[in-house]
Amino acid sequence: ENKMLNTKLPLLTEEWYAQQRLNRLMEEIEENYDLFAVKAYADNNWLKLEDFQDWVDQFEDAFVGRYENFREYADQIADECYDTSNYFDYDGFARDLEFDHWYELDRSNYEYVIFRNY
């Protein structure tokens, strides 16, 4: 008895379906979010990308944005939230603000993705 297998089709295993779901999720994340930031957040918090829908609200609350460096972000916050027309210690403010944040360098464009710790 000669059974021929169609080797051009992928084996439809549980792993294959899981990979397809993950691929669709990654496309959805990339369309709506900063993919590098999502991956950095997941890695830093020991989260699985497959469970993104379970922690998307936490990510949205924590993610601040992309900046050339942390000081750029701190200066923006200082200018938006405080009267800086008189003497203002931008360096000190940035140093203090850093305690409540963490950031990761995206080496593809040398920008930092910044997150709140709270």
N, C-alpha and C. Protein backbone atom coordinates (compact mmCIF):
# COMPACT_ATOMS: atom_id res chain seq x y z
N GLU A 1 0.86 -1.18 0.00
CA GLU A 1 0.00 0.00 0.00
C GLU A 1 0.90 1.23 0.00
N ASN A 2 0.71 2.09 -0.95
CA ASN A 2 1.56 3.27 -1.14
C ASN A 2 0.80 4.52 -0.74
N LYS A 3 1.13 5.07 0.42
CA LYS A 3 0.48 6.30 0.88
C LYS A 3 1.43 7.46 0.60
N MET A 4 0.93 8.45 -0.05
CA MET A 4 1.77 9.61 -0.35
C MET A 4 1.40 10.75 0.60
N LEU A 5 2.39 11.36 1.11
CA LEU A 5 2.18 12.53 1.95
C LEU A 5 2.38 13.78 1.12
N ASN A 6 1.54 14.74 1.34
CA ASN A 6 1.71 16.03 0.67
C ASN A 6 2.70 16.83 1.50
N THR A 7 3.92 16.91 1.05
CA THR A 7 4.96 17.58 1.83
C THR A 7 4.94 19.09 1.64
N LYS A 8 4.09 19.59 0.79
CA LYS A 8 4.03 21.03 0.57
C LYS A 8 3.15 21.73 1.61
N LEU A 9 2.32 21.00 2.28
CA LEU A 9 1.47 21.59 3.30
C LEU A 9 2.15 21.46 4.67
N PRO A 10 2.01 22.48 5.52
CA PRO A 10 2.60 22.35 6.85
C PRO A 10 1.84 21.31 7.67
N LEU A 11 2.54 20.70 8.59
CA LEU A 11 1.87 19.78 9.50
C LEU A 11 1.02 20.61 10.45
N LEU A 12 -0.24 20.37 10.47
CA LEU A 12 -1.17 21.16 11.27
C LEU A 12 -1.18 20.65 12.70
N THR A 13 -0.14 20.97 13.40
CA THR A 13 0.00 20.54 14.78
C THR A 13 -0.46 21.65 15.72
N GLU A 14 -0.55 21.31 16.96
CA GLU A 14 -0.91 22.30 17.98
C GLU A 14 0.11 23.44 18.00
N GLU A 15 1.38 23.09 17.82
CA GLU A 15 2.43 24.11 17.80
C GLU A 15 2.27 25.04 16.61
N TRP A 16 1.87 24.47 15.46
CA TRP A 16 1.68 25.28 14.25
C TRP A 16 0.55 26.27 14.47
N TYR A 17 -0.57 25.80 15.04
CA TYR A 17 -1.69 26.70 15.31
C TYR A 17 -1.30 27.79 16.32
N ALA A 18 -0.55 27.41 17.34
CA ALA A 18 -0.10 28.38 18.34
C ALA A 18 0.79 29.43 17.68
N GLN A 19 1.66 29.02 16.78
CA GLN A 19 2.54 29.96 16.08
C GLN A 19 1.72 30.89 15.19
N GLN A 20 0.69 30.37 14.55
CA GLN A 20 -0.17 31.21 13.71
C GLN A 20 -0.91 32.25 14.54
N ARG A 21 -1.40 31.84 15.72
CA ARG A 21 -2.07 32.79 16.62
C ARG A 21 -1.09 33.87 17.07
N LEU A 22 0.13 33.45 17.41
CA LEU A 22 1.15 34.41 17.84
C LEU A 22 1.50 35.37 16.71
N ASN A 23 1.63 34.86 15.50
CA ASN A 23 1.92 35.72 14.34
C ASN A 23 0.83 36.77 14.14
N ARG A 24 -0.44 36.35 14.24
CA ARG A 24 -1.55 37.29 14.09
C ARG A 24 -1.53 38.33 15.21
N LEU A 25 -1.25 37.88 16.43
CA LEU A 25 -1.17 38.80 17.56
C LEU A 25 -0.05 39.81 17.36
N MET A 26 1.11 39.35 16.90
CA MET A 26 2.23 40.25 16.67
C MET A 26 1.89 41.29 15.61
N GLU A 27 1.19 40.88 14.57
CA GLU A 27 0.76 41.83 13.54
C GLU A 27 -0.19 42.86 14.13
N GLU A 28 -1.12 42.40 14.96
CA GLU A 28 -2.07 43.31 15.61
C GLU A 28 -1.35 44.29 16.54
N ILE A 29 -0.41 43.79 17.32
CA ILE A 29 0.36 44.65 18.22
C ILE A 29 1.13 45.68 17.41
N GLU A 30 1.77 45.23 16.35
CA GLU A 30 2.58 46.14 15.53
C GLU A 30 1.73 47.23 14.87
N GLU A 31 0.49 46.90 14.53
CA GLU A 31 -0.41 47.88 13.92
C GLU A 31 -0.85 48.94 14.93
N ASN A 32 -0.99 48.56 16.20
CA ASN A 32 -1.60 49.44 17.19
C ASN A 32 -0.66 49.97 18.27
N TYR A 33 0.51 49.37 18.40
CA TYR A 33 1.41 49.72 19.49
C TYR A 33 2.85 49.76 18.98
N ASP A 34 3.72 50.20 19.83
CA ASP A 34 5.15 50.17 19.56
C ASP A 34 5.64 48.77 19.92
N LEU A 35 5.93 47.96 18.91
CA LEU A 35 6.26 46.55 19.12
C LEU A 35 7.50 46.38 20.00
N PHE A 36 8.52 47.17 19.77
CA PHE A 36 9.72 47.08 20.60
C PHE A 36 9.37 47.36 22.06
N ALA A 37 8.54 48.37 22.30
CA ALA A 37 8.15 48.72 23.67
C ALA A 37 7.35 47.59 24.31
N VAL A 38 6.46 46.99 23.57
CA VAL A 38 5.66 45.87 24.10
C VAL A 38 6.57 44.72 24.50
N LYS A 39 7.52 44.39 23.63
CA LYS A 39 8.44 43.29 23.93
C LYS A 39 9.32 43.63 25.14
N ALA A 40 9.80 44.87 25.21
CA ALA A 40 10.64 45.29 26.34
C ALA A 40 9.84 45.21 27.64
N TYR A 41 8.59 45.66 27.61
CA TYR A 41 7.74 45.62 28.80
C TYR A 41 7.50 44.17 29.23
N ALA A 42 7.21 43.32 28.26
CA ALA A 42 6.97 41.91 28.57
C ALA A 42 8.21 41.27 29.19
N ASP A 43 9.36 41.50 28.58
CA ASP A 43 10.60 40.91 29.11
C ASP A 43 10.91 41.41 30.51
N ASN A 44 10.75 42.71 30.73
CA ASN A 44 11.07 43.30 32.03
C ASN A 44 10.13 42.82 33.14
N ASN A 45 8.92 42.47 32.78
CA ASN A 45 7.91 42.07 33.76
C ASN A 45 7.60 40.58 33.72
N TRP A 46 8.41 39.82 33.03
CA TRP A 46 8.23 38.36 32.93
C TRP A 46 6.85 37.97 32.45
N LEU A 47 6.39 38.66 31.40
CA LEU A 47 5.08 38.40 30.83
C LEU A 47 5.22 37.70 29.48
N LYS A 48 4.20 36.96 29.11
CA LYS A 48 4.20 36.28 27.82
C LYS A 48 3.46 37.14 26.80
N LEU A 49 4.05 37.27 25.62
CA LEU A 49 3.39 38.03 24.56
C LEU A 49 2.04 37.41 24.20
N GLU A 50 1.95 36.09 24.32
CA GLU A 50 0.70 35.40 24.00
C GLU A 50 -0.45 35.89 24.89
N ASP A 51 -0.11 36.41 26.08
CA ASP A 51 -1.13 36.88 27.03
C ASP A 51 -1.30 38.39 26.97
N PHE A 52 -0.90 39.02 25.88
CA PHE A 52 -0.92 40.48 25.77
C PHE A 52 -2.27 41.08 26.16
N GLN A 53 -3.35 40.46 25.74
CA GLN A 53 -4.68 41.01 26.05
C GLN A 53 -4.93 41.07 27.55
N ASP A 54 -4.26 40.23 28.31
CA ASP A 54 -4.42 40.23 29.77
C ASP A 54 -3.68 41.38 30.44
N TRP A 55 -2.63 41.89 29.80
CA TRP A 55 -1.84 42.94 30.44
C TRP A 55 -1.70 44.21 29.60
N VAL A 56 -2.49 44.34 28.55
CA VAL A 56 -2.41 45.52 27.68
C VAL A 56 -2.70 46.81 28.45
N ASP A 57 -3.64 46.77 29.40
CA ASP A 57 -3.95 47.99 30.17
C ASP A 57 -2.76 48.42 31.03
N GLN A 58 -2.07 47.46 31.62
CA GLN A 58 -0.87 47.78 32.40
C GLN A 58 0.19 48.42 31.51
N PHE A 59 0.37 47.86 30.33
CA PHE A 59 1.34 48.41 29.39
C PHE A 59 0.97 49.84 29.02
N GLU A 60 -0.30 50.07 28.69
CA GLU A 60 -0.73 51.42 28.28
C GLU A 60 -0.53 52.43 29.41
N ASP A 61 -0.75 52.01 30.66
CA ASP A 61 -0.54 52.91 31.79
C ASP A 61 0.94 53.21 32.01
N ALA A 62 1.79 52.24 31.75
CA ALA A 62 3.21 52.40 32.05
C ALA A 62 4.00 53.07 30.93
N PHE A 63 3.63 52.83 29.68
CA PHE A 63 4.43 53.31 28.55
C PHE A 63 4.29 54.82 28.40
N VAL A 64 5.41 55.50 28.42
CA VAL A 64 5.45 56.96 28.30
C VAL A 64 5.67 57.38 26.86
N GLY A 65 6.62 56.73 26.18
CA GLY A 65 6.90 57.08 24.80
C GLY A 65 8.35 56.84 24.44
N ARG A 66 8.72 57.34 23.27
CA ARG A 66 10.09 57.23 22.76
C ARG A 66 10.76 58.58 22.84
N TYR A 67 11.99 58.56 23.31
CA TYR A 67 12.77 59.80 23.44
C TYR A 67 14.22 59.52 23.09
N GLU A 68 14.91 60.58 22.70
CA GLU A 68 16.33 60.46 22.38
C GLU A 68 17.14 60.06 23.61
N ASN A 69 16.70 60.54 24.77
CA ASN A 69 17.33 60.19 26.04
C ASN A 69 16.35 60.52 27.17
N PHE A 70 16.67 60.09 28.37
CA PHE A 70 15.75 60.31 29.49
C PHE A 70 15.62 61.80 29.80
N ARG A 71 16.69 62.54 29.65
CA ARG A 71 16.67 63.97 29.94
C ARG A 71 15.66 64.70 29.05
N GLU A 72 15.54 64.32 27.80
CA GLU A 72 14.56 64.94 26.91
C GLU A 72 13.15 64.77 27.48
N TYR A 73 12.85 63.57 27.95
CA TYR A 73 11.55 63.30 28.58
C TYR A 73 11.37 64.13 29.84
N ALA A 74 12.38 64.16 30.70
CA ALA A 74 12.29 64.90 31.96
C ALA A 74 12.10 66.39 31.70
N ASP A 75 12.79 66.94 30.72
CA ASP A 75 12.63 68.36 30.38
C ASP A 75 11.21 68.65 29.93
N GLN A 76 10.63 67.76 29.14
CA GLN A 76 9.26 67.93 28.67
C GLN A 76 8.29 67.95 29.85
N ILE A 77 8.45 67.00 30.77
CA ILE A 77 7.58 66.93 31.95
C ILE A 77 7.74 68.20 32.79
N ALA A 78 8.96 68.63 33.00
CA ALA A 78 9.22 69.83 33.80
C ALA A 78 8.54 71.05 33.18
N ASP A 79 8.68 71.21 31.88
CA ASP A 79 8.10 72.37 31.20
C ASP A 79 6.58 72.32 31.20
N GLU A 80 6.00 71.13 31.14
CA GLU A 80 4.54 70.99 31.13
C GLU A 80 3.93 71.16 32.53
N CYS A 81 4.65 70.76 33.56
CA CYS A 81 4.05 70.66 34.89
C CYS A 81 4.51 71.75 35.87
N TYR A 82 5.58 72.45 35.58
CA TYR A 82 6.13 73.40 36.54
C TYR A 82 6.42 74.73 35.88
N ASP A 83 6.44 75.75 36.70
CA ASP A 83 6.85 77.07 36.23
C ASP A 83 8.38 77.08 36.18
N THR A 84 8.91 77.00 35.00
CA THR A 84 10.36 76.95 34.84
C THR A 84 10.93 78.29 34.36
N SER A 85 10.09 79.35 34.44
CA SER A 85 10.56 80.65 33.97
C SER A 85 11.65 81.21 34.88
N ASN A 86 11.60 80.87 36.16
CA ASN A 86 12.67 81.24 37.07
C ASN A 86 13.67 80.10 37.11
N TYR A 87 14.60 80.18 38.00
CA TYR A 87 15.60 79.13 38.11
C TYR A 87 14.92 77.78 38.32
N PHE A 88 15.32 76.79 37.55
CA PHE A 88 14.79 75.44 37.70
C PHE A 88 15.94 74.46 37.47
N ASP A 89 16.08 73.51 38.36
CA ASP A 89 17.18 72.55 38.29
C ASP A 89 16.74 71.35 37.43
N TYR A 90 16.93 71.48 36.12
CA TYR A 90 16.55 70.41 35.20
C TYR A 90 17.32 69.12 35.48
N ASP A 91 18.61 69.24 35.76
CA ASP A 91 19.41 68.04 36.03
C ASP A 91 18.90 67.31 37.26
N GLY A 92 18.64 68.05 38.32
CA GLY A 92 18.14 67.45 39.56
C GLY A 92 16.77 66.83 39.36
N PHE A 93 15.91 67.53 38.61
CA PHE A 93 14.57 67.02 38.34
C PHE A 93 14.66 65.70 37.56
N ALA A 94 15.50 65.68 36.54
CA ALA A 94 15.66 64.45 35.73
C ALA A 94 16.18 63.31 36.58
N ARG A 95 17.12 63.59 37.43
CA ARG A 95 17.70 62.56 38.31
C ARG A 95 16.63 62.01 39.26
N ASP A 96 15.81 62.89 39.84
CA ASP A 96 14.75 62.44 40.74
C ASP A 96 13.66 61.67 40.00
N LEU A 97 13.32 62.14 38.80
CA LEU A 97 12.27 61.50 38.01
C LEU A 97 12.67 60.09 37.61
N GLU A 98 13.95 59.88 37.42
CA GLU A 98 14.44 58.58 36.99
C GLU A 98 14.14 57.46 38.00
N PHE A 99 13.96 57.81 39.26
CA PHE A 99 13.65 56.80 40.28
C PHE A 99 12.30 56.14 40.04
N ASP A 100 11.39 56.85 39.40
CA ASP A 100 10.04 56.34 39.17
C ASP A 100 9.85 55.78 37.76
N HIS A 101 10.93 55.59 37.02
CA HIS A 101 10.84 55.14 35.64
C HIS A 101 11.93 54.12 35.33
N TRP A 102 11.73 53.43 34.23
CA TRP A 102 12.78 52.59 33.66
C TRP A 102 12.71 52.74 32.16
N TYR A 103 13.81 52.44 31.50
CA TYR A 103 13.84 52.62 30.06
C TYR A 103 14.76 51.59 29.40
N GLU A 104 14.53 51.44 28.11
CA GLU A 104 15.26 50.44 27.33
C GLU A 104 15.66 51.10 26.01
N LEU A 105 16.88 50.86 25.58
CA LEU A 105 17.37 51.42 24.33
C LEU A 105 16.99 50.53 23.15
N ASP A 106 16.32 51.12 22.17
CA ASP A 106 16.03 50.43 20.92
C ASP A 106 17.21 50.69 20.00
N ARG A 107 18.04 49.70 19.82
CA ARG A 107 19.27 49.87 19.05
C ARG A 107 19.03 50.04 17.56
N SER A 108 17.82 49.79 17.10
CA SER A 108 17.54 49.97 15.67
C SER A 108 17.54 51.44 15.28
N ASN A 109 17.22 52.32 16.23
CA ASN A 109 17.21 53.75 15.92
C ASN A 109 17.77 54.60 17.06
N TYR A 110 18.31 53.94 18.05
CA TYR A 110 18.93 54.61 19.21
C TYR A 110 17.99 55.61 19.89
N GLU A 111 16.76 55.15 20.09
CA GLU A 111 15.80 55.88 20.89
C GLU A 111 15.49 55.04 22.12
N TYR A 112 15.12 55.73 23.17
CA TYR A 112 14.75 55.03 24.41
C TYR A 112 13.24 54.94 24.51
N VAL A 113 12.76 53.77 24.89
CA VAL A 113 11.35 53.63 25.26
C VAL A 113 11.31 53.74 26.77
N ILE A 114 10.43 54.60 27.26
CA ILE A 114 10.40 54.92 28.69
C ILE A 114 9.08 54.47 29.30
N PHE A 115 9.19 53.91 30.51
CA PHE A 115 8.02 53.40 31.23
C PHE A 115 8.01 53.95 32.66
N ARG A 116 6.81 54.14 33.18
CA ARG A 116 6.63 54.48 34.59
C ARG A 116 6.73 53.20 35.42
N ASN A 117 7.25 53.34 36.64
CA ASN A 117 7.31 52.19 37.56
C ASN A 117 6.05 52.08 38.41
N TYR A 118 5.19 53.00 38.36
CA TYR A 118 4.04 53.01 39.26
C TYR A 118 2.76 52.83 38.51
